[in-house]
Every structure is written in structure tokens, then in C-alpha cells.
Amino acid sequence: RTHDLTAARTHRIIRICERQGVPVLADRAYIGAGSWVTTPIRRLPHQDLNPTQRTINRALSAARAPVERSVARLKSWRIFRRARCSPNRLSSISAAVLTLERQR
């Protein structure tokens, strides 16, 4: 039970993605995570975003939407909400759940 950014930093996920050349698209919670992480453009106080900035934010949201839906679907499995086993064992459980999800 920790924030996503804290977990990503602890496990060096962002650094690994950078070394592998994998772009990281994130939500506003990741603002300040580093130059490799693409986050939405923030609106400044008392100013609206210009049309280009809104378009960029919409494109980022559209790219992230399938992943967000997938994570929400995985969270519907009770095993992930109530897991009390080793994180290493959860990898095997995740593989099994993904196989079952593909069969739906």
C-alpha cells in the first residue's frame, strides 16, 4: 500500500524503462518524476490551457485509456485485492489471470 510513484522509484521502474527506450505515459500524480515520464500539461492559476495544450492532454489520455481499463479489470479479481502471499507468487497468479481474461 504505497503510492505508484514511490513504488516506481523504489523498484527503479522509470530508470529501467529509460534504459530500454520504453516511453512512460503517466497521469498528474507523476509530475516531477523525471524527464522520461510524459505527464499532462498543468493549467496555471487563473489561466486556461491553449488549444494545442488541450489537444496534447487529450492525446495522452487516449493513449493511457486502454491501460487504465485493463488495470481496472484486473482489480476486479478478488485475488489481487486480498492477496496475502509473496509478490513473487503474484507474478504467476497474474499470468494465470491474464490467460483467463484472454479466454473471455
Protein backbone atom coordinates (compact mmCIF):
# COMPACT_ATOMS: atom_id res chain seq x y z
CA ARG A 1 0.00 0.00 0.00
CA THR A 2 2.10 2.77 -1.35
CA HIS A 3 1.76 5.49 -3.95
CA ASP A 4 2.51 4.49 -7.54
CA LEU A 5 5.38 6.95 -7.91
CA THR A 6 7.01 5.78 -4.69
CA ALA A 7 6.79 2.16 -5.86
CA ALA A 8 8.15 3.10 -9.30
CA ARG A 9 11.11 4.85 -7.69
CA THR A 10 11.74 2.05 -5.19
CA HIS A 11 11.80 -0.59 -7.92
CA ARG A 12 13.59 1.73 -10.39
CA ILE A 13 10.88 1.16 -13.00
CA ILE A 14 11.28 4.57 -14.61
CA ARG A 15 15.04 4.18 -14.88
CA ILE A 16 14.67 0.70 -16.40
CA CYS A 17 12.14 2.00 -18.94
CA GLU A 18 14.50 4.82 -19.84
CA ARG A 19 17.41 2.42 -20.41
CA GLN A 20 15.21 0.13 -22.53
CA GLY A 21 13.83 3.06 -24.52
CA VAL A 22 10.25 2.44 -23.39
CA PRO A 23 8.28 5.69 -23.08
CA VAL A 24 6.37 6.24 -19.85
CA LEU A 25 2.94 7.88 -20.14
CA ALA A 26 1.57 8.86 -16.75
CA ASP A 27 -1.14 10.85 -15.00
CA ARG A 28 -0.71 14.04 -12.98
CA ALA A 29 0.47 12.12 -9.93
CA TYR A 30 3.79 11.57 -11.75
CA ILE A 31 4.54 15.25 -12.37
CA GLY A 32 8.16 15.74 -11.35
CA ALA A 33 9.08 12.08 -11.83
CA GLY A 34 11.71 12.93 -14.42
CA SER A 35 12.18 13.95 -18.00
CA TRP A 36 11.42 10.45 -19.33
CA VAL A 37 7.89 10.49 -17.91
CA THR A 38 5.26 12.22 -20.06
CA THR A 39 2.53 13.80 -17.93
CA PRO A 40 -0.39 16.09 -18.75
CA ILE A 41 0.27 19.80 -19.04
CA ARG A 42 -0.89 21.62 -15.93
CA ARG A 43 -3.12 24.64 -16.06
CA LEU A 44 -1.54 27.65 -14.40
CA PRO A 45 -3.61 29.57 -11.83
CA HIS A 46 -6.06 31.97 -13.48
CA GLN A 47 -5.12 30.78 -16.97
CA ASP A 48 -6.69 28.26 -19.32
CA LEU A 49 -4.76 25.84 -21.48
CA ASN A 50 -4.43 26.85 -25.10
CA PRO A 51 -5.94 24.57 -27.78
CA THR A 52 -2.59 22.89 -28.52
CA GLN A 53 -2.07 22.02 -24.86
CA ARG A 54 -5.62 20.65 -24.59
CA THR A 55 -5.00 18.52 -27.68
CA ILE A 56 -1.78 17.16 -26.17
CA ASN A 57 -3.58 16.30 -22.93
CA ARG A 58 -6.41 14.57 -24.83
CA ALA A 59 -3.93 12.52 -26.88
CA LEU A 60 -2.11 11.47 -23.72
CA SER A 61 -5.40 10.46 -22.08
CA ALA A 62 -6.43 8.49 -25.16
CA ALA A 63 -3.12 6.61 -25.17
CA ARG A 64 -3.43 5.80 -21.45
CA ALA A 65 -7.12 4.78 -21.52
CA PRO A 66 -6.67 1.12 -22.60
CA VAL A 67 -4.10 0.55 -19.87
CA GLU A 68 -6.32 2.16 -17.24
CA ARG A 69 -9.24 -0.05 -18.32
CA SER A 70 -7.03 -3.14 -18.19
CA VAL A 71 -5.79 -2.35 -14.69
CA ALA A 72 -9.37 -1.74 -13.54
CA ARG A 73 -10.42 -5.09 -14.99
CA LEU A 74 -7.58 -6.89 -13.22
CA LYS A 75 -8.52 -5.20 -9.96
CA SER A 76 -11.96 -6.77 -10.27
CA TRP A 77 -10.34 -10.11 -9.49
CA ARG A 78 -10.60 -10.62 -5.74
CA ILE A 79 -7.24 -12.42 -5.57
CA PHE A 80 -5.49 -9.10 -6.23
CA ARG A 81 -7.49 -7.17 -3.66
CA ARG A 82 -7.00 -9.67 -0.86
CA ALA A 83 -3.64 -11.25 -1.69
CA ARG A 84 -1.55 -12.15 1.33
CA CYS A 85 1.17 -14.07 -0.48
CA SER A 86 4.63 -13.23 -1.73
CA PRO A 87 4.85 -10.68 -4.57
CA ASN A 88 6.89 -13.28 -6.49
CA ARG A 89 3.96 -15.68 -6.33
CA LEU A 90 1.62 -12.94 -7.55
CA SER A 91 3.54 -12.90 -10.83
CA SER A 92 2.43 -16.47 -11.52
CA ILE A 93 -1.11 -15.66 -10.43
CA SER A 94 -1.11 -12.61 -12.73
CA ALA A 95 -0.05 -14.77 -15.68
CA ALA A 96 -2.89 -17.19 -14.95
CA VAL A 97 -5.45 -14.39 -14.63
CA LEU A 98 -4.28 -12.79 -17.89
CA THR A 99 -4.70 -16.15 -19.62
CA LEU A 100 -8.22 -16.43 -18.26
CA GLU A 101 -9.01 -12.85 -19.30
CA ARG A 102 -7.91 -13.58 -22.86
CA GLN A 103 -10.33 -16.51 -22.97
CA ARG A 104 -13.34 -14.28 -22.16
